[in-house]
Amino acid sequence: MNPRAIVEAALFSAGKALTPEELAQTTRLEPEVIRSHLRALAQEYTKRESAIEVAQIGTKWTMQIRSEFAERARAFAPPEIDRDLLKTAALIAYHQPLLQSDLFDMIGSKVYEHTKGLEDLGLINRKPSGRSLALTTTRYFAEFFGLKSTDREGIRRLMAQKAGVPYKERPEETPDDTSEAPEAPNELPPPESNEASRQAAAVPAGSP
């Protein structure tokens, strides 16, 4: 595999500025080798007059939109989601269809604000189910987070892998098109008990 392409992919995927030492942890390349490739990539992007640039910021490097294009591109950028809301989205994606009352047991009273916010962003659906609301992700969820799977069981499988919990297929359900969840917090609980869910929801999410 092309080492320069590996560095480029790692920097793109990071979505933030990183030091060569941080890039070395994921690419398994030596920091000095990474610095050389970063400098070469910066020159390549400049030479092709790309709207994207590889730039050095202090001791870190980042891949970003050039300042002259940033204003026009900003209109197409998805809104940022804070960590708590992101965690709620991940819980819904893993447990869906999930009753809002059960989600209340996991995260408390902030469930109302969070589900309303996610619905306003077009990321989840809320439909009446008995005395509560059934929560599921939308097609836009996958697009928003850049995910490939669009079926509900595919979402659960991915979330189980990310959360490190056993995946159990639900043969009684017919998967329908929804979407997939963002990178899941490691503390996501298995769906068997609300008590486990409450305990897991109390554990702080991992660093972004």
N, C-alpha and C. Protein backbone atom coordinates (compact mmCIF):
# COMPACT_ATOMS: atom_id res chain seq x y z
N MET A 1 0.84 -1.18 0.00
CA MET A 1 0.00 0.00 0.00
C MET A 1 0.89 1.25 0.00
N ASN A 2 0.50 2.26 -0.74
CA ASN A 2 1.28 3.49 -0.87
C ASN A 2 1.31 4.23 0.47
N PRO A 3 2.50 4.40 1.08
CA PRO A 3 2.59 5.06 2.40
C PRO A 3 2.03 6.47 2.40
N ARG A 4 2.26 7.22 1.31
CA ARG A 4 1.75 8.59 1.25
C ARG A 4 0.23 8.60 1.22
N ALA A 5 -0.34 7.65 0.50
CA ALA A 5 -1.80 7.54 0.43
C ALA A 5 -2.37 7.18 1.80
N ILE A 6 -1.63 6.36 2.56
CA ILE A 6 -2.07 5.99 3.91
C ILE A 6 -2.11 7.22 4.80
N VAL A 7 -1.07 8.04 4.73
CA VAL A 7 -1.01 9.27 5.53
C VAL A 7 -2.15 10.21 5.12
N GLU A 8 -2.38 10.34 3.83
CA GLU A 8 -3.44 11.20 3.32
C GLU A 8 -4.81 10.73 3.83
N ALA A 9 -5.06 9.43 3.75
CA ALA A 9 -6.33 8.87 4.20
C ALA A 9 -6.52 9.07 5.70
N ALA A 10 -5.45 8.87 6.47
CA ALA A 10 -5.54 9.02 7.92
C ALA A 10 -5.84 10.46 8.31
N LEU A 11 -5.20 11.40 7.63
CA LEU A 11 -5.42 12.82 7.93
C LEU A 11 -6.84 13.23 7.55
N PHE A 12 -7.32 12.73 6.43
CA PHE A 12 -8.68 13.03 5.98
C PHE A 12 -9.70 12.47 6.97
N SER A 13 -9.49 11.24 7.40
CA SER A 13 -10.44 10.58 8.29
C SER A 13 -10.47 11.21 9.67
N ALA A 14 -9.35 11.77 10.11
CA ALA A 14 -9.27 12.34 11.45
C ALA A 14 -10.23 13.50 11.65
N GLY A 15 -10.36 14.34 10.63
CA GLY A 15 -11.25 15.48 10.74
C GLY A 15 -10.77 16.55 11.70
N LYS A 16 -9.50 16.48 12.10
CA LYS A 16 -8.93 17.48 13.00
C LYS A 16 -7.42 17.48 12.83
N ALA A 17 -6.77 18.47 13.40
CA ALA A 17 -5.32 18.57 13.29
C ALA A 17 -4.65 17.52 14.18
N LEU A 18 -3.59 16.88 13.64
CA LEU A 18 -2.86 15.85 14.37
C LEU A 18 -1.37 16.06 14.21
N THR A 19 -0.62 15.61 15.20
CA THR A 19 0.83 15.63 15.10
C THR A 19 1.28 14.40 14.32
N PRO A 20 2.50 14.42 13.76
CA PRO A 20 3.03 13.21 13.10
C PRO A 20 3.07 12.02 14.05
N GLU A 21 3.32 12.30 15.34
CA GLU A 21 3.36 11.21 16.32
C GLU A 21 1.98 10.56 16.48
N GLU A 22 0.94 11.37 16.45
CA GLU A 22 -0.42 10.84 16.55
C GLU A 22 -0.78 10.03 15.30
N LEU A 23 -0.37 10.53 14.17
CA LEU A 23 -0.61 9.80 12.91
C LEU A 23 0.16 8.49 12.89
N ALA A 24 1.32 8.48 13.53
CA ALA A 24 2.15 7.27 13.56
C ALA A 24 1.45 6.13 14.30
N GLN A 25 0.61 6.48 15.28
CA GLN A 25 -0.09 5.45 16.05
C GLN A 25 -1.07 4.64 15.21
N THR A 26 -1.66 5.28 14.19
CA THR A 26 -2.64 4.59 13.35
C THR A 26 -2.05 4.08 12.04
N THR A 27 -1.04 4.78 11.53
CA THR A 27 -0.48 4.40 10.23
C THR A 27 0.67 3.40 10.36
N ARG A 28 1.26 3.32 11.57
CA ARG A 28 2.41 2.44 11.83
C ARG A 28 3.64 2.84 11.01
N LEU A 29 3.69 4.11 10.65
CA LEU A 29 4.86 4.66 9.96
C LEU A 29 5.65 5.51 10.95
N GLU A 30 6.92 5.70 10.69
CA GLU A 30 7.75 6.51 11.57
C GLU A 30 7.36 7.99 11.43
N PRO A 31 7.37 8.75 12.53
CA PRO A 31 7.00 10.16 12.48
C PRO A 31 7.76 10.97 11.44
N GLU A 32 9.08 10.70 11.30
CA GLU A 32 9.87 11.45 10.32
C GLU A 32 9.42 11.13 8.89
N VAL A 33 9.06 9.88 8.66
CA VAL A 33 8.55 9.49 7.34
C VAL A 33 7.22 10.19 7.09
N ILE A 34 6.39 10.27 8.11
CA ILE A 34 5.09 10.94 7.99
C ILE A 34 5.27 12.42 7.70
N ARG A 35 6.22 13.07 8.36
CA ARG A 35 6.49 14.49 8.11
C ARG A 35 6.86 14.72 6.66
N SER A 36 7.68 13.83 6.14
CA SER A 36 8.09 13.95 4.74
C SER A 36 6.89 13.84 3.80
N HIS A 37 6.02 12.88 4.08
CA HIS A 37 4.83 12.70 3.23
C HIS A 37 3.87 13.87 3.38
N LEU A 38 3.75 14.42 4.57
CA LEU A 38 2.86 15.56 4.79
C LEU A 38 3.33 16.78 4.00
N ARG A 39 4.63 17.02 4.00
CA ARG A 39 5.17 18.14 3.24
C ARG A 39 4.93 17.94 1.74
N ALA A 40 5.12 16.70 1.30
CA ALA A 40 4.89 16.39 -0.12
C ALA A 40 3.42 16.56 -0.49
N LEU A 41 2.53 16.11 0.38
CA LEU A 41 1.09 16.25 0.13
C LEU A 41 0.68 17.72 0.07
N ALA A 42 1.26 18.54 0.97
CA ALA A 42 0.96 19.97 0.97
C ALA A 42 1.34 20.60 -0.37
N GLN A 43 2.48 20.22 -0.90
CA GLN A 43 2.92 20.74 -2.19
C GLN A 43 2.02 20.26 -3.33
N GLU A 44 1.62 18.98 -3.27
CA GLU A 44 0.77 18.41 -4.31
C GLU A 44 -0.58 19.12 -4.38
N TYR A 45 -1.18 19.35 -3.22
CA TYR A 45 -2.49 20.02 -3.18
C TYR A 45 -2.39 21.46 -3.67
N THR A 46 -1.29 22.12 -3.33
CA THR A 46 -1.08 23.50 -3.80
C THR A 46 -0.87 23.53 -5.31
N LYS A 47 -0.10 22.60 -5.81
CA LYS A 47 0.22 22.55 -7.24
C LYS A 47 -1.02 22.32 -8.09
N ARG A 48 -1.93 21.47 -7.61
CA ARG A 48 -3.14 21.18 -8.40
C ARG A 48 -4.23 22.23 -8.20
N GLU A 49 -3.93 23.27 -7.37
CA GLU A 49 -4.88 24.37 -7.10
C GLU A 49 -6.21 23.83 -6.57
N SER A 50 -6.10 22.87 -5.68
CA SER A 50 -7.27 22.25 -5.08
C SER A 50 -7.93 23.19 -4.07
N ALA A 51 -9.24 23.02 -3.88
CA ALA A 51 -9.95 23.78 -2.85
C ALA A 51 -9.62 23.24 -1.46
N ILE A 52 -9.01 22.06 -1.42
CA ILE A 52 -8.56 21.46 -0.17
C ILE A 52 -7.06 21.68 -0.03
N GLU A 53 -6.62 21.88 1.20
CA GLU A 53 -5.20 22.04 1.45
C GLU A 53 -4.75 21.17 2.62
N VAL A 54 -3.51 20.74 2.57
CA VAL A 54 -2.86 20.08 3.71
C VAL A 54 -1.96 21.13 4.32
N ALA A 55 -2.30 21.55 5.54
CA ALA A 55 -1.61 22.69 6.14
C ALA A 55 -1.03 22.33 7.50
N GLN A 56 0.08 22.98 7.83
CA GLN A 56 0.70 22.79 9.13
C GLN A 56 0.24 23.89 10.08
N ILE A 57 -0.22 23.49 11.27
CA ILE A 57 -0.66 24.44 12.29
C ILE A 57 0.15 24.17 13.54
N GLY A 58 1.20 24.94 13.74
CA GLY A 58 2.11 24.68 14.85
C GLY A 58 2.83 23.35 14.63
N THR A 59 2.67 22.44 15.56
CA THR A 59 3.30 21.12 15.43
C THR A 59 2.34 20.10 14.81
N LYS A 60 1.13 20.55 14.49
CA LYS A 60 0.12 19.63 13.94
C LYS A 60 -0.15 19.91 12.47
N TRP A 61 -0.77 18.91 11.83
CA TRP A 61 -1.14 19.03 10.42
C TRP A 61 -2.63 18.75 10.28
N THR A 62 -3.25 19.39 9.30
CA THR A 62 -4.67 19.18 9.08
C THR A 62 -4.99 19.24 7.59
N MET A 63 -6.11 18.63 7.22
CA MET A 63 -6.64 18.73 5.87
C MET A 63 -7.92 19.55 5.97
N GLN A 64 -7.96 20.65 5.24
CA GLN A 64 -9.08 21.57 5.39
C GLN A 64 -9.39 22.29 4.08
N ILE A 65 -10.54 22.97 4.06
CA ILE A 65 -10.92 23.77 2.89
C ILE A 65 -10.12 25.06 2.94
N ARG A 66 -9.60 25.47 1.80
CA ARG A 66 -8.84 26.72 1.73
C ARG A 66 -9.77 27.89 2.11
N SER A 67 -9.21 28.88 2.74
CA SER A 67 -10.00 29.99 3.28
C SER A 67 -10.86 30.67 2.23
N GLU A 68 -10.36 30.77 0.98
CA GLU A 68 -11.13 31.46 -0.05
C GLU A 68 -12.38 30.70 -0.48
N PHE A 69 -12.44 29.40 -0.14
CA PHE A 69 -13.60 28.60 -0.50
C PHE A 69 -14.49 28.29 0.71
N ALA A 70 -14.00 28.59 1.90
CA ALA A 70 -14.69 28.17 3.13
C ALA A 70 -16.10 28.72 3.25
N GLU A 71 -16.30 30.01 2.93
CA GLU A 71 -17.60 30.63 3.11
C GLU A 71 -18.67 29.97 2.24
N ARG A 72 -18.34 29.70 0.99
CA ARG A 72 -19.33 29.07 0.10
C ARG A 72 -19.59 27.62 0.47
N ALA A 73 -18.57 26.94 0.97
CA ALA A 73 -18.73 25.53 1.31
C ALA A 73 -19.48 25.33 2.62
N ARG A 74 -19.47 26.34 3.49
CA ARG A 74 -20.07 26.21 4.81
C ARG A 74 -21.56 25.92 4.73
N ALA A 75 -22.23 26.42 3.71
CA ALA A 75 -23.67 26.21 3.57
C ALA A 75 -24.03 24.75 3.39
N PHE A 76 -23.08 23.95 2.91
CA PHE A 76 -23.34 22.53 2.66
C PHE A 76 -22.87 21.64 3.80
N ALA A 77 -22.19 22.21 4.77
CA ALA A 77 -21.66 21.41 5.88
C ALA A 77 -22.79 21.04 6.83
N PRO A 78 -22.82 19.78 7.31
CA PRO A 78 -23.85 19.38 8.27
C PRO A 78 -23.65 20.10 9.59
N PRO A 79 -24.73 20.37 10.32
CA PRO A 79 -24.58 21.02 11.63
C PRO A 79 -23.82 20.13 12.59
N GLU A 80 -23.09 20.75 13.50
CA GLU A 80 -22.35 19.97 14.48
C GLU A 80 -23.29 19.48 15.59
N ILE A 81 -23.02 18.30 16.10
CA ILE A 81 -23.82 17.74 17.18
C ILE A 81 -22.94 17.58 18.40
N ASP A 82 -23.42 18.07 19.56
CA ASP A 82 -22.59 17.92 20.76
C ASP A 82 -22.56 16.47 21.19
N ARG A 83 -21.62 16.16 22.08
CA ARG A 83 -21.33 14.78 22.44
C ARG A 83 -22.52 14.08 23.09
N ASP A 84 -23.26 14.78 23.96
CA ASP A 84 -24.41 14.17 24.62
C ASP A 84 -25.49 13.79 23.62
N LEU A 85 -25.74 14.69 22.66
CA LEU A 85 -26.76 14.40 21.66
C LEU A 85 -26.31 13.27 20.74
N LEU A 86 -25.03 13.23 20.46
CA LEU A 86 -24.48 12.17 19.63
C LEU A 86 -24.63 10.81 20.32
N LYS A 87 -24.42 10.80 21.63
CA LYS A 87 -24.56 9.56 22.39
C LYS A 87 -26.01 9.08 22.36
N THR A 88 -26.96 9.99 22.48
CA THR A 88 -28.38 9.62 22.42
C THR A 88 -28.72 9.06 21.05
N ALA A 89 -28.19 9.67 20.00
CA ALA A 89 -28.43 9.18 18.64
C ALA A 89 -27.90 7.76 18.49
N ALA A 90 -26.74 7.49 19.08
CA ALA A 90 -26.15 6.16 18.98
C ALA A 90 -26.99 5.13 19.72
N LEU A 91 -27.53 5.50 20.88
CA LEU A 91 -28.39 4.59 21.64
C LEU A 91 -29.65 4.24 20.86
N ILE A 92 -30.25 5.24 20.23
CA ILE A 92 -31.46 5.01 19.43
C ILE A 92 -31.13 4.10 18.26
N ALA A 93 -30.01 4.37 17.59
CA ALA A 93 -29.63 3.58 16.42
C ALA A 93 -29.38 2.12 16.79
N TYR A 94 -28.80 1.90 17.96
CA TYR A 94 -28.51 0.51 18.37
C TYR A 94 -29.77 -0.24 18.79
N HIS A 95 -30.62 0.40 19.59
CA HIS A 95 -31.77 -0.28 20.17
C HIS A 95 -33.04 -0.20 19.32
N GLN A 96 -33.03 0.56 18.24
CA GLN A 96 -34.27 0.79 17.50
C GLN A 96 -34.94 -0.50 17.02
N PRO A 97 -36.26 -0.52 16.98
CA PRO A 97 -37.16 0.55 17.44
C PRO A 97 -37.15 0.64 18.96
N LEU A 98 -36.97 1.85 19.47
CA LEU A 98 -36.82 2.08 20.90
C LEU A 98 -37.91 3.00 21.38
N LEU A 99 -38.61 2.63 22.44
CA LEU A 99 -39.64 3.50 23.02
C LEU A 99 -38.97 4.66 23.73
N GLN A 100 -39.56 5.84 23.58
CA GLN A 100 -39.01 7.01 24.24
C GLN A 100 -39.01 6.83 25.76
N SER A 101 -40.00 6.10 26.29
CA SER A 101 -40.05 5.83 27.72
C SER A 101 -38.87 4.99 28.18
N ASP A 102 -38.43 4.04 27.33
CA ASP A 102 -37.26 3.23 27.67
C ASP A 102 -35.98 4.05 27.58
N LEU A 103 -35.93 4.96 26.61
CA LEU A 103 -34.77 5.84 26.49
C LEU A 103 -34.70 6.77 27.71
N PHE A 104 -35.87 7.15 28.25
CA PHE A 104 -35.90 7.95 29.47
C PHE A 104 -35.20 7.22 30.60
N ASP A 105 -35.41 5.90 30.69
CA ASP A 105 -34.75 5.10 31.73
C ASP A 105 -33.24 5.11 31.57
N MET A 106 -32.77 5.30 30.34
CA MET A 106 -31.34 5.28 30.08
C MET A 106 -30.66 6.61 30.35
N ILE A 107 -31.31 7.72 29.93
CA ILE A 107 -30.62 9.02 29.99
C ILE A 107 -31.34 10.07 30.82
N GLY A 108 -32.55 9.76 31.32
CA GLY A 108 -33.25 10.71 32.17
C GLY A 108 -34.07 11.73 31.40
N SER A 109 -34.37 12.84 32.07
CA SER A 109 -35.30 13.83 31.53
C SER A 109 -34.81 14.55 30.28
N LYS A 110 -33.51 14.50 30.01
CA LYS A 110 -33.01 15.17 28.81
C LYS A 110 -33.46 14.46 27.54
N VAL A 111 -34.14 13.31 27.70
CA VAL A 111 -34.64 12.56 26.55
C VAL A 111 -35.55 13.42 25.68
N TYR A 112 -36.36 14.27 26.30
CA TYR A 112 -37.32 15.06 25.54
C TYR A 112 -36.61 16.09 24.66
N GLU A 113 -35.64 16.78 25.25
CA GLU A 113 -34.86 17.77 24.48
C GLU A 113 -34.05 17.10 23.38
N HIS A 114 -33.44 15.96 23.70
CA HIS A 114 -32.58 15.28 22.74
C HIS A 114 -33.37 14.71 21.56
N THR A 115 -34.48 14.04 21.84
CA THR A 115 -35.24 13.44 20.74
C THR A 115 -35.87 14.52 19.85
N LYS A 116 -36.29 15.62 20.47
CA LYS A 116 -36.83 16.73 19.67
C LYS A 116 -35.74 17.31 18.79
N GLY A 117 -34.54 17.48 19.35
CA GLY A 117 -33.43 18.02 18.58
C GLY A 117 -33.04 17.12 17.42
N LEU A 118 -32.98 15.81 17.66
CA LEU A 118 -32.62 14.86 16.61
C LEU A 118 -33.69 14.79 15.54
N GLU A 119 -34.95 14.93 15.95
CA GLU A 119 -36.04 14.94 14.97
C GLU A 119 -35.97 16.20 14.12
N ASP A 120 -35.67 17.34 14.74
CA ASP A 120 -35.55 18.60 13.99
C ASP A 120 -34.42 18.55 12.97
N LEU A 121 -33.38 17.78 13.28
CA LEU A 121 -32.26 17.62 12.35
C LEU A 121 -32.57 16.60 11.25
N GLY A 122 -33.71 15.91 11.38
CA GLY A 122 -34.09 14.91 10.39
C GLY A 122 -33.39 13.59 10.56
N LEU A 123 -32.85 13.34 11.77
CA LEU A 123 -32.06 12.13 11.99
C LEU A 123 -32.88 10.97 12.56
N ILE A 124 -33.99 11.28 13.21
CA ILE A 124 -34.83 10.21 13.76
C ILE A 124 -36.31 10.48 13.46
N ASN A 125 -37.10 9.42 13.51
CA ASN A 125 -38.56 9.52 13.44
C ASN A 125 -39.12 9.22 14.82
N ARG A 126 -40.21 9.91 15.18
CA ARG A 126 -40.93 9.63 16.42
C ARG A 126 -42.38 9.37 16.07
N LYS A 127 -42.83 8.13 16.29
CA LYS A 127 -44.20 7.77 15.97
C LYS A 127 -44.90 7.23 17.21
N PRO A 128 -46.20 7.58 17.40
CA PRO A 128 -46.94 7.11 18.57
C PRO A 128 -46.92 5.59 18.68
N SER A 129 -46.69 5.10 19.90
CA SER A 129 -46.71 3.67 20.17
C SER A 129 -47.23 3.48 21.59
N GLY A 130 -48.54 3.15 21.73
CA GLY A 130 -49.14 3.07 23.04
C GLY A 130 -49.13 4.43 23.70
N ARG A 131 -48.60 4.50 24.93
CA ARG A 131 -48.53 5.75 25.65
C ARG A 131 -47.20 6.47 25.44
N SER A 132 -46.36 5.91 24.58
CA SER A 132 -45.05 6.50 24.35
C SER A 132 -44.87 6.77 22.85
N LEU A 133 -43.62 6.97 22.46
CA LEU A 133 -43.26 7.18 21.06
C LEU A 133 -42.19 6.17 20.67
N ALA A 134 -42.31 5.60 19.48
CA ALA A 134 -41.30 4.68 18.97
C ALA A 134 -40.26 5.48 18.19
N LEU A 135 -39.00 5.28 18.51
CA LEU A 135 -37.90 6.04 17.90
C LEU A 135 -37.12 5.16 16.93
N THR A 136 -36.92 5.66 15.72
CA THR A 136 -36.10 4.97 14.72
C THR A 136 -35.28 6.01 13.97
N THR A 137 -34.18 5.57 13.37
CA THR A 137 -33.38 6.49 12.57
C THR A 137 -33.98 6.64 11.18
N THR A 138 -33.58 7.67 10.48
CA THR A 138 -34.10 7.96 9.15
C THR A 138 -33.07 7.60 8.08
N ARG A 139 -33.48 7.69 6.83
CA ARG A 139 -32.54 7.49 5.72
C ARG A 139 -31.43 8.53 5.77
N TYR A 140 -31.78 9.75 6.17
CA TYR A 140 -30.81 10.84 6.21
C TYR A 140 -29.73 10.60 7.26
N PHE A 141 -30.04 9.79 8.27
CA PHE A 141 -29.07 9.48 9.32
C PHE A 141 -27.78 8.94 8.72
N ALA A 142 -27.92 7.96 7.82
CA ALA A 142 -26.74 7.36 7.18
C ALA A 142 -25.99 8.38 6.35
N GLU A 143 -26.73 9.19 5.61
CA GLU A 143 -26.09 10.22 4.77
C GLU A 143 -25.36 11.23 5.63
N PHE A 144 -25.99 11.64 6.72
CA PHE A 144 -25.42 12.66 7.62
C PHE A 144 -24.08 12.21 8.19
N PHE A 145 -24.01 10.94 8.59
CA PHE A 145 -22.80 10.44 9.23
C PHE A 145 -21.87 9.73 8.25
N GLY A 146 -22.20 9.75 6.95
CA GLY A 146 -21.32 9.15 5.95
C GLY A 146 -21.23 7.65 6.06
N LEU A 147 -22.34 6.99 6.39
CA LEU A 147 -22.36 5.54 6.57
C LEU A 147 -22.98 4.87 5.35
N LYS A 148 -22.70 3.57 5.21
CA LYS A 148 -23.11 2.86 4.01
C LYS A 148 -24.39 2.04 4.19
N SER A 149 -24.58 1.46 5.35
CA SER A 149 -25.74 0.59 5.54
C SER A 149 -27.01 1.41 5.69
N THR A 150 -28.12 0.91 5.15
CA THR A 150 -29.39 1.61 5.25
C THR A 150 -30.48 0.73 5.83
N ASP A 151 -30.16 -0.50 6.23
CA ASP A 151 -31.19 -1.35 6.82
C ASP A 151 -31.01 -1.41 8.33
N ARG A 152 -32.11 -1.57 9.04
CA ARG A 152 -32.10 -1.50 10.50
C ARG A 152 -31.20 -2.56 11.13
N GLU A 153 -31.25 -3.77 10.61
CA GLU A 153 -30.43 -4.83 11.19
C GLU A 153 -28.95 -4.57 10.95
N GLY A 154 -28.65 -3.94 9.80
CA GLY A 154 -27.27 -3.56 9.52
C GLY A 154 -26.76 -2.54 10.52
N ILE A 155 -27.64 -1.63 10.92
CA ILE A 155 -27.29 -0.63 11.93
C ILE A 155 -26.95 -1.30 13.25
N ARG A 156 -27.83 -2.21 13.67
CA ARG A 156 -27.62 -2.90 14.94
C ARG A 156 -26.31 -3.69 14.93
N ARG A 157 -26.03 -4.31 13.79
CA ARG A 157 -24.80 -5.10 13.68
C ARG A 157 -23.58 -4.20 13.86
N LEU A 158 -23.59 -3.06 13.17
CA LEU A 158 -22.48 -2.12 13.27
C LEU A 158 -22.33 -1.60 14.69
N MET A 159 -23.45 -1.23 15.33
CA MET A 159 -23.39 -0.69 16.66
C MET A 159 -22.89 -1.72 17.66
N ALA A 160 -23.27 -2.98 17.45
CA ALA A 160 -22.78 -4.04 18.33
C ALA A 160 -21.27 -4.17 18.21
N GLN A 161 -20.77 -4.10 16.98
CA GLN A 161 -19.33 -4.19 16.76
C GLN A 161 -18.60 -3.02 17.41
N LYS A 162 -19.15 -1.83 17.22
CA LYS A 162 -18.51 -0.63 17.79
C LYS A 162 -18.57 -0.64 19.31
N ALA A 163 -19.68 -1.15 19.85
CA ALA A 163 -19.85 -1.14 21.30
C ALA A 163 -19.16 -2.31 21.97
N GLY A 164 -18.76 -3.33 21.17
CA GLY A 164 -18.11 -4.50 21.73
C GLY A 164 -19.06 -5.40 22.49
N VAL A 165 -20.33 -5.44 22.05
CA VAL A 165 -21.31 -6.31 22.70
C VAL A 165 -21.76 -7.37 21.69
N PRO A 166 -22.24 -8.53 22.18
CA PRO A 166 -22.67 -9.60 21.27
C PRO A 166 -23.82 -9.13 20.39
N TYR A 167 -23.73 -9.44 19.11
CA TYR A 167 -24.81 -9.10 18.18
C TYR A 167 -25.78 -10.26 18.08
N LYS A 168 -27.06 -9.99 18.29
CA LYS A 168 -28.09 -11.00 18.18
C LYS A 168 -29.11 -10.56 17.14
N GLU A 169 -29.20 -11.33 16.08
CA GLU A 169 -30.13 -10.98 15.00
C GLU A 169 -31.57 -11.12 15.49
N ARG A 170 -32.44 -10.29 14.95
CA ARG A 170 -33.84 -10.33 15.31
C ARG A 170 -34.64 -10.92 14.14
N PRO A 171 -34.78 -12.23 14.08
CA PRO A 171 -35.44 -12.86 12.93
C PRO A 171 -36.91 -12.47 12.80
N GLU A 172 -37.51 -12.05 13.93
CA GLU A 172 -38.93 -11.73 13.86
C GLU A 172 -39.19 -10.39 13.20
N GLU A 173 -38.10 -9.58 13.02
CA GLU A 173 -38.26 -8.27 12.40
C GLU A 173 -37.91 -8.32 10.94
N THR A 174 -38.62 -7.52 10.16
CA THR A 174 -38.28 -7.35 8.76
C THR A 174 -37.53 -6.04 8.63
N PRO A 175 -36.27 -6.10 8.31
CA PRO A 175 -35.51 -4.85 8.22
C PRO A 175 -36.11 -3.92 7.19
N ASP A 176 -36.22 -2.66 7.56
CA ASP A 176 -36.65 -1.67 6.57
C ASP A 176 -35.63 -0.56 6.51
N ASP A 177 -35.77 0.28 5.52
CA ASP A 177 -34.76 1.28 5.29
C ASP A 177 -34.80 2.34 6.38
N THR A 178 -33.71 2.46 7.07
CA THR A 178 -33.53 3.59 7.97
C THR A 178 -32.14 4.12 7.70
N SER A 179 -31.21 3.89 8.62
CA SER A 179 -29.86 4.37 8.39
C SER A 179 -28.93 3.78 9.40
N GLU A 180 -27.74 4.31 9.43
CA GLU A 180 -26.74 3.75 10.33
C GLU A 180 -26.25 4.80 11.29
N ALA A 181 -25.70 4.35 12.37
CA ALA A 181 -25.33 5.26 13.43
C ALA A 181 -23.92 5.75 13.30
N PRO A 182 -23.54 6.89 14.04
CA PRO A 182 -22.18 7.39 14.05
C PRO A 182 -21.29 6.46 14.84
N GLU A 183 -20.02 6.81 14.87
CA GLU A 183 -19.12 5.98 15.66
C GLU A 183 -19.65 5.92 17.06
N ALA A 184 -19.86 4.67 17.62
CA ALA A 184 -20.58 4.48 18.88
C ALA A 184 -19.68 4.65 20.07
N PRO A 185 -20.23 5.25 21.15
CA PRO A 185 -19.47 5.28 22.39
C PRO A 185 -19.24 3.85 22.88
N ASN A 186 -18.07 3.58 23.43
CA ASN A 186 -17.74 2.23 23.83
C ASN A 186 -18.63 1.69 24.94
N GLU A 187 -19.32 2.63 25.68
CA GLU A 187 -20.10 2.16 26.79
C GLU A 187 -21.51 1.74 26.41
N LEU A 188 -21.87 1.74 25.14
CA LEU A 188 -23.22 1.36 24.75
C LEU A 188 -23.58 -0.02 25.30
N PRO A 189 -24.75 -0.16 25.91
CA PRO A 189 -25.12 -1.43 26.53
C PRO A 189 -25.79 -2.37 25.57
N PRO A 190 -25.79 -3.68 25.89
CA PRO A 190 -26.60 -4.61 25.13
C PRO A 190 -28.06 -4.35 25.43
N PRO A 191 -28.97 -4.73 24.52
CA PRO A 191 -30.36 -4.35 24.67
C PRO A 191 -31.15 -5.18 25.65
N GLU A 192 -30.53 -6.15 26.36
CA GLU A 192 -31.32 -7.08 27.15
C GLU A 192 -31.98 -6.46 28.37
N SER A 193 -31.36 -5.43 29.01
CA SER A 193 -31.97 -4.91 30.22
C SER A 193 -31.82 -3.41 30.31
N ASN A 194 -32.86 -2.75 30.84
CA ASN A 194 -32.80 -1.32 31.04
C ASN A 194 -31.81 -0.94 32.11
N GLU A 195 -31.62 -1.82 33.13
CA GLU A 195 -30.66 -1.53 34.19
C GLU A 195 -29.27 -1.40 33.62
N ALA A 196 -28.90 -2.33 32.71
CA ALA A 196 -27.58 -2.26 32.06
C ALA A 196 -27.49 -0.98 31.26
N SER A 197 -28.59 -0.59 30.61
CA SER A 197 -28.60 0.63 29.81
C SER A 197 -28.37 1.85 30.68
N ARG A 198 -29.03 1.87 31.86
CA ARG A 198 -28.86 3.02 32.74
C ARG A 198 -27.43 3.12 33.23
N GLN A 199 -26.85 2.00 33.57
CA GLN A 199 -25.47 2.02 34.05
C GLN A 199 -24.52 2.49 32.97
N ALA A 200 -24.73 2.01 31.74
CA ALA A 200 -23.83 2.37 30.64
C ALA A 200 -23.99 3.83 30.29
N ALA A 201 -25.23 4.34 30.32
CA ALA A 201 -25.46 5.73 29.95
C ALA A 201 -24.80 6.67 30.93
N ALA A 202 -24.51 6.20 32.16
CA ALA A 202 -23.90 7.05 33.17
C ALA A 202 -22.41 7.19 32.98
N VAL A 203 -21.80 6.33 32.15
CA VAL A 203 -20.35 6.36 31.93
C VAL A 203 -20.03 7.42 30.91
N PRO A 204 -19.09 8.33 31.16
CA PRO A 204 -18.76 9.38 30.20
C PRO A 204 -18.34 8.82 28.87
N ALA A 205 -18.69 9.53 27.81
CA ALA A 205 -18.32 9.07 26.46
C ALA A 205 -16.83 9.23 26.29
N GLY A 206 -16.30 8.51 25.28
CA GLY A 206 -14.88 8.60 25.00
C GLY A 206 -14.52 9.93 24.41
N SER A 207 -13.27 10.27 24.40
CA SER A 207 -12.81 11.53 23.83
C SER A 207 -13.11 11.56 22.35
N PRO A 208 -13.52 12.74 21.81
CA PRO A 208 -13.82 12.83 20.38
C PRO A 208 -12.61 12.64 19.53
